[in-house]
């Protein structure tokens, strides 16, 4: 079973890329489960027709209120079938203003493991959509516990996107298990100039000891599908954008050698890398 995680800063487009990747993998004949590891609980929204499914953490709390424990939870309480038969799970988070949001991730992963969810549904690929805050131990659990074997950093051409990705790479280096978990590559979710982003992110990826795996263009088609709470592959299957995600799925499945990253240690070094490409763009 392939276990793939997409990490990146908030708002970078992780859920959009993850959902379209899940559908593209299904098109290739794989059984897929997408696990949303974000208290916003909206990772699988475009796979469920815009509906927010019950989360693992709220189901767990409800069972506790009823005097039950986590072992009384059934898989059908937390795993829901979405578009094209994609299995959808949302970890959820604590009640607003109470507790640690990352704990929802840990609870969800443990319950899925204890209930043998992946074996029960004969899953070929698990796609984890993870909030890019590895400072919190909860959000780092997919890495720490070896659930996420192949980790992709989702970036745009914005500097703070690279800054967040570099920090995540530091977490991967610290927590990954050599030979089991590592950085599989960088994916660009474009926010502007294609040539600049490809050159800057390819350079950044090489510095990490990895590679730029794929480029997802900024597109009104993708944005329109997001508004309709549908994936591009369902709403615009013949579009060039749909083909982009199909090629991404092929790249991911052909890319099975994650590495221990070598993140940039000093902020000034990262700034210098970025400035080099800004100067090149300006010429």
Protein backbone atom coordinates (compact mmCIF):
# COMPACT_ATOMS: atom_id res chain seq x y z
CA UNK A 1 0.00 0.00 0.00
CA UNK A 2 1.29 3.45 -0.92
CA UNK A 3 0.90 6.12 1.77
CA UNK A 4 1.29 9.64 0.37
CA UNK A 5 1.12 12.91 2.29
CA UNK A 6 0.76 16.42 0.91
CA UNK A 7 2.12 19.10 3.23
CA UNK A 8 2.19 22.85 2.74
CA UNK A 9 1.28 26.17 4.29
CA UNK A 10 -2.35 27.03 4.89
CA UNK A 11 -4.25 28.14 1.79
CA UNK A 12 -1.71 26.78 -0.68
CA UNK A 13 -4.25 24.43 -2.29
CA UNK A 14 -3.48 21.10 -0.62
CA UNK A 15 -7.09 19.92 -0.54
CA UNK A 16 -7.68 20.77 -4.21
CA UNK A 17 -4.55 18.93 -5.30
CA UNK A 18 -5.21 15.99 -2.96
CA UNK A 19 -8.80 15.46 -4.12
CA UNK A 20 -7.92 15.65 -7.82
CA UNK A 21 -4.97 13.34 -7.23
CA UNK A 22 -7.28 10.86 -5.50
CA UNK A 23 -9.69 10.84 -8.45
CA UNK A 24 -6.83 10.53 -10.95
CA UNK A 25 -5.43 7.56 -9.02
CA UNK A 26 -8.87 5.96 -9.06
CA UNK A 27 -9.01 6.41 -12.83
CA UNK A 28 -5.78 4.43 -13.00
CA UNK A 29 -7.45 1.52 -11.22
CA UNK A 30 -6.39 2.07 -7.62
CA UNK A 31 -8.57 1.90 -4.52
CA UNK A 32 -7.99 5.21 -2.74
CA UNK A 33 -8.67 6.62 0.72
CA UNK A 34 -8.20 10.34 1.39
CA UNK A 35 -7.61 11.36 5.00
CA UNK A 36 -8.05 15.04 5.81
CA UNK A 37 -5.69 16.02 8.65
CA UNK A 38 -6.95 19.53 9.29
CA UNK A 39 -9.48 20.79 11.85
CA UNK A 40 -11.29 22.69 9.06
CA UNK A 41 -12.57 19.25 7.95
CA UNK A 42 -12.90 20.32 4.32
CA UNK A 43 -10.25 18.19 2.62
CA UNK A 44 -12.82 15.79 1.16
CA UNK A 45 -15.48 18.41 0.43
CA UNK A 46 -15.04 18.23 -3.34
CA UNK A 47 -15.33 14.44 -3.14
CA UNK A 48 -18.64 14.54 -1.26
CA UNK A 49 -20.61 17.07 -3.29
CA UNK A 50 -19.82 19.90 -0.90
CA UNK A 51 -20.95 18.06 2.23
CA UNK A 52 -18.84 18.10 5.37
CA UNK A 53 -18.70 14.54 6.65
CA UNK A 54 -18.68 13.66 10.37
CA UNK A 55 -15.14 13.72 11.71
CA UNK A 56 -13.31 11.05 13.65
CA UNK A 57 -12.80 13.35 16.63
CA UNK A 58 -16.44 14.44 16.94
CA UNK A 59 -17.56 10.81 16.60
CA UNK A 60 -15.07 9.86 19.30
CA UNK A 61 -16.35 12.62 21.61
CA UNK A 62 -19.95 11.55 21.03
CA UNK A 63 -19.13 7.98 21.99
CA UNK A 64 -17.44 9.20 25.17
CA UNK A 65 -20.51 11.30 26.05
CA UNK A 66 -22.65 8.19 25.67
CA UNK A 67 -20.42 6.26 28.06
CA UNK A 68 -18.73 4.26 25.32
CA UNK A 69 -15.09 4.12 24.32
CA UNK A 70 -13.23 4.32 21.03
CA UNK A 71 -13.57 0.56 20.52
CA UNK A 72 -17.32 0.98 20.03
CA UNK A 73 -16.73 3.10 16.91
CA UNK A 74 -17.45 1.28 13.66
CA UNK A 75 -15.67 2.06 10.40
CA UNK A 76 -18.95 3.14 8.81
CA UNK A 77 -19.15 5.87 11.49
CA UNK A 78 -15.97 7.56 10.23
CA UNK A 79 -15.30 6.34 6.67
CA UNK A 80 -17.61 7.62 3.93
CA UNK A 81 -17.73 6.78 0.25
CA UNK A 82 -17.34 9.82 -1.97
CA UNK A 83 -16.99 10.48 -5.67
CA UNK A 84 -15.94 7.52 -7.80
CA UNK A 85 -15.82 5.33 -4.69
CA UNK A 86 -13.03 7.29 -2.97
CA UNK A 87 -13.08 6.50 0.76
CA UNK A 88 -13.16 9.78 2.72
CA UNK A 89 -12.05 10.42 6.30
CA UNK A 90 -11.75 13.72 8.19
CA UNK A 91 -9.77 13.79 11.43
CA UNK A 92 -11.47 16.97 12.65
CA UNK A 93 -10.37 19.00 15.63
CA UNK A 94 -11.36 20.02 19.14
CA UNK A 95 -14.29 22.20 20.06
CA UNK A 96 -13.42 25.85 19.29
CA UNK A 97 -11.06 27.35 21.83
CA UNK A 98 -10.41 24.04 23.58
CA UNK A 99 -7.54 21.60 23.18
CA UNK A 100 -4.95 20.93 20.50
CA UNK A 101 -6.06 20.67 16.88
CA UNK A 102 -3.20 18.30 16.12
CA UNK A 103 -4.60 15.78 18.57
CA UNK A 104 -7.43 15.09 16.15
CA UNK A 105 -4.87 13.82 13.65
CA UNK A 106 -3.30 11.47 16.19
CA UNK A 107 -6.68 10.17 17.35
CA UNK A 108 -7.88 9.59 13.79
CA UNK A 109 -4.75 7.71 12.75
CA UNK A 110 -4.82 5.50 15.82
CA UNK A 111 -8.50 4.65 15.38
CA UNK A 112 -8.06 3.88 11.67
CA UNK A 113 -5.12 1.64 12.57
CA UNK A 114 -6.94 -0.15 15.39
CA UNK A 115 -9.99 -0.77 13.19
CA UNK A 116 -7.75 -2.04 10.37
CA UNK A 117 -9.43 0.37 7.96
CA UNK A 118 -6.89 0.02 5.16
CA UNK A 119 -7.11 -3.78 5.16
CA UNK A 120 -10.89 -3.80 5.47
CA UNK A 121 -11.35 -1.59 2.41
CA UNK A 122 -8.42 -3.17 0.52
CA UNK A 123 -6.92 0.26 -0.07
CA UNK A 124 -4.06 0.59 -2.56
CA UNK A 125 -3.23 4.26 -1.90
CA UNK A 126 -3.84 6.53 1.08
CA UNK A 127 -3.59 10.28 0.45
CA UNK A 128 -3.07 12.35 3.60
CA UNK A 129 -3.88 16.06 3.29
CA UNK A 130 -1.96 17.65 6.18
CA UNK A 131 -1.90 21.19 7.52
CA UNK A 132 1.68 22.41 7.16
CA UNK A 133 2.49 23.00 10.80
CA UNK A 134 4.97 20.37 11.91
CA UNK A 135 5.79 22.47 14.98
CA UNK A 136 2.73 20.87 16.56
CA UNK A 137 3.34 17.20 17.33
CA UNK A 138 -0.16 16.24 16.25
CA UNK A 139 0.30 17.42 12.67
CA UNK A 140 3.68 15.66 12.60
CA UNK A 141 2.17 12.29 13.51
CA UNK A 142 1.77 11.03 9.92
CA UNK A 143 5.55 11.46 9.62
CA UNK A 144 6.57 10.42 13.14
CA UNK A 145 4.56 7.21 13.14
CA UNK A 146 5.47 6.22 9.60
CA UNK A 147 1.93 6.47 8.24
CA UNK A 148 2.97 8.87 5.51
CA UNK A 149 5.81 7.15 3.69
CA UNK A 150 6.06 9.55 0.72
CA UNK A 151 5.82 13.24 1.56
CA UNK A 152 5.26 15.95 -1.03
CA UNK A 153 5.76 19.65 -0.34
CA UNK A 154 3.16 21.78 -2.11
CA UNK A 155 4.49 25.25 -2.93
CA UNK A 156 3.70 28.27 -5.02
CA UNK A 157 6.18 30.89 -6.22
CA UNK A 158 5.57 33.05 -3.14
CA UNK A 159 8.53 33.35 -0.79
CA UNK A 160 6.53 32.45 2.34
CA UNK A 161 5.46 29.26 0.61
CA UNK A 162 9.10 28.22 0.28
CA UNK A 163 9.78 29.35 3.84
CA UNK A 164 7.00 27.09 5.16
CA UNK A 165 8.11 24.20 2.93
CA UNK A 166 11.68 24.51 4.18
CA UNK A 167 10.47 24.37 7.78
CA UNK A 168 8.42 21.28 6.96
CA UNK A 169 11.54 19.74 5.39
CA UNK A 170 13.34 20.30 8.70
CA UNK A 171 10.56 18.38 10.41
CA UNK A 172 10.80 15.55 7.86
CA UNK A 173 14.55 15.30 8.42
CA UNK A 174 14.07 15.18 12.18
CA UNK A 175 11.19 12.71 12.23
CA UNK A 176 11.52 10.50 9.18
CA UNK A 177 12.55 6.91 9.45
CA UNK A 178 15.44 6.23 7.10
CA UNK A 179 14.36 3.86 4.35
CA UNK A 180 10.68 4.13 5.32
CA UNK A 181 9.58 7.77 5.31
CA UNK A 182 10.99 10.73 3.46
CA UNK A 183 10.57 13.60 1.04
CA UNK A 184 9.30 12.39 -2.33
CA UNK A 185 9.41 15.77 -4.04
CA UNK A 186 8.07 19.27 -4.50
CA UNK A 187 4.84 20.07 -6.37
CA UNK A 188 4.20 23.58 -7.66
CA UNK A 189 0.65 24.89 -7.37
CA UNK A 190 1.15 28.01 -9.42
CA UNK A 191 0.24 31.48 -8.25
CA UNK A 192 1.76 33.48 -11.09
CA UNK A 193 4.75 33.40 -13.44
CA UNK A 194 5.31 29.85 -14.73
CA UNK A 195 8.95 30.17 -15.78
CA UNK A 196 9.97 31.87 -12.54
CA UNK A 197 8.16 29.32 -10.39
CA UNK A 198 9.55 26.31 -12.23
CA UNK A 199 13.12 27.62 -12.06
CA UNK A 200 12.93 28.78 -8.44
CA UNK A 201 11.16 25.66 -7.13
CA UNK A 202 13.40 23.31 -9.11
CA UNK A 203 16.42 25.02 -7.52
CA UNK A 204 14.81 24.82 -4.07
CA UNK A 205 13.99 21.13 -4.55
CA UNK A 206 17.58 20.35 -5.63
CA UNK A 207 18.85 22.12 -2.53
CA UNK A 208 16.67 19.79 -0.45
CA UNK A 209 18.19 16.82 -2.27
CA UNK A 210 14.94 16.17 -4.11
CA UNK A 211 13.22 17.32 -7.32
CA UNK A 212 10.34 19.34 -8.68
CA UNK A 213 7.85 16.61 -9.53
CA UNK A 214 5.05 18.49 -11.28
CA UNK A 215 3.59 21.89 -12.11
CA UNK A 216 -0.11 22.68 -11.58
CA UNK A 217 -1.05 25.89 -13.45
CA UNK A 218 -3.14 28.69 -12.04
CA UNK A 219 -6.43 28.23 -13.87
CA UNK A 220 -9.99 29.58 -13.85
CA UNK A 221 -11.15 26.03 -14.62
CA UNK A 222 -9.69 24.75 -11.34
CA UNK A 223 -11.16 27.73 -9.47
CA UNK A 224 -14.61 27.19 -11.02
CA UNK A 225 -14.58 23.54 -9.99
CA UNK A 226 -13.64 24.51 -6.43
CA UNK A 227 -16.67 26.82 -6.24
CA UNK A 228 -18.91 23.95 -7.37
CA UNK A 229 -17.34 21.62 -4.77
CA UNK A 230 -16.28 19.19 -7.47
CA UNK A 231 -12.97 17.92 -8.75
CA UNK A 232 -11.67 18.98 -12.15
CA UNK A 233 -11.62 15.37 -13.31
CA UNK A 234 -15.36 15.08 -12.72
CA UNK A 235 -16.59 18.51 -13.80
CA UNK A 236 -14.16 19.13 -16.68
CA UNK A 237 -12.73 15.68 -17.51
CA UNK A 238 -11.65 16.62 -21.04
CA UNK A 239 -9.86 19.80 -20.00
CA UNK A 240 -6.12 20.39 -20.09
CA UNK A 241 -6.28 20.89 -16.32
CA UNK A 242 -7.70 17.40 -15.82
CA UNK A 243 -4.78 16.02 -17.80
CA UNK A 244 -2.41 17.88 -15.48
CA UNK A 245 -3.74 15.91 -12.50
CA UNK A 246 -3.66 12.63 -14.42
CA UNK A 247 0.01 13.23 -15.17
CA UNK A 248 0.61 14.12 -11.53
CA UNK A 249 -0.88 10.76 -10.49
CA UNK A 250 1.43 8.99 -12.93
CA UNK A 251 4.43 10.88 -11.58
CA UNK A 252 3.51 10.01 -8.01
CA UNK A 253 3.03 6.31 -8.70
CA UNK A 254 6.30 6.12 -10.65
CA UNK A 255 8.19 7.97 -7.91
CA UNK A 256 8.92 5.61 -5.04
CA UNK A 257 12.29 6.73 -3.68
CA UNK A 258 11.81 9.29 -0.90
CA UNK A 259 14.92 10.91 0.54
CA UNK A 260 15.94 12.43 3.84
CA UNK A 261 15.90 16.14 2.91
CA UNK A 262 18.71 18.62 3.41
CA UNK A 263 16.79 21.81 4.28
CA UNK A 264 18.34 25.26 4.15
CA UNK A 265 19.50 26.10 7.67
CA UNK A 266 19.68 29.89 7.54
CA UNK A 267 16.91 32.24 6.47
CA UNK A 268 19.46 34.39 4.65
CA UNK A 269 20.40 31.43 2.44
CA UNK A 270 16.79 30.86 1.47
CA UNK A 271 16.35 34.56 0.75
CA UNK A 272 19.46 34.53 -1.42
CA UNK A 273 18.15 31.58 -3.45
CA UNK A 274 14.87 33.39 -4.02
CA UNK A 275 16.54 36.67 -4.95
CA UNK A 276 18.70 34.97 -7.58
CA UNK A 277 15.60 33.94 -9.48
CA UNK A 278 13.91 37.31 -9.01
CA UNK A 279 16.92 38.95 -10.65
CA UNK A 280 16.85 36.47 -13.51
CA UNK A 281 13.15 37.15 -14.03
CA UNK A 282 13.73 40.92 -14.08
CA UNK A 283 16.29 40.73 -16.93
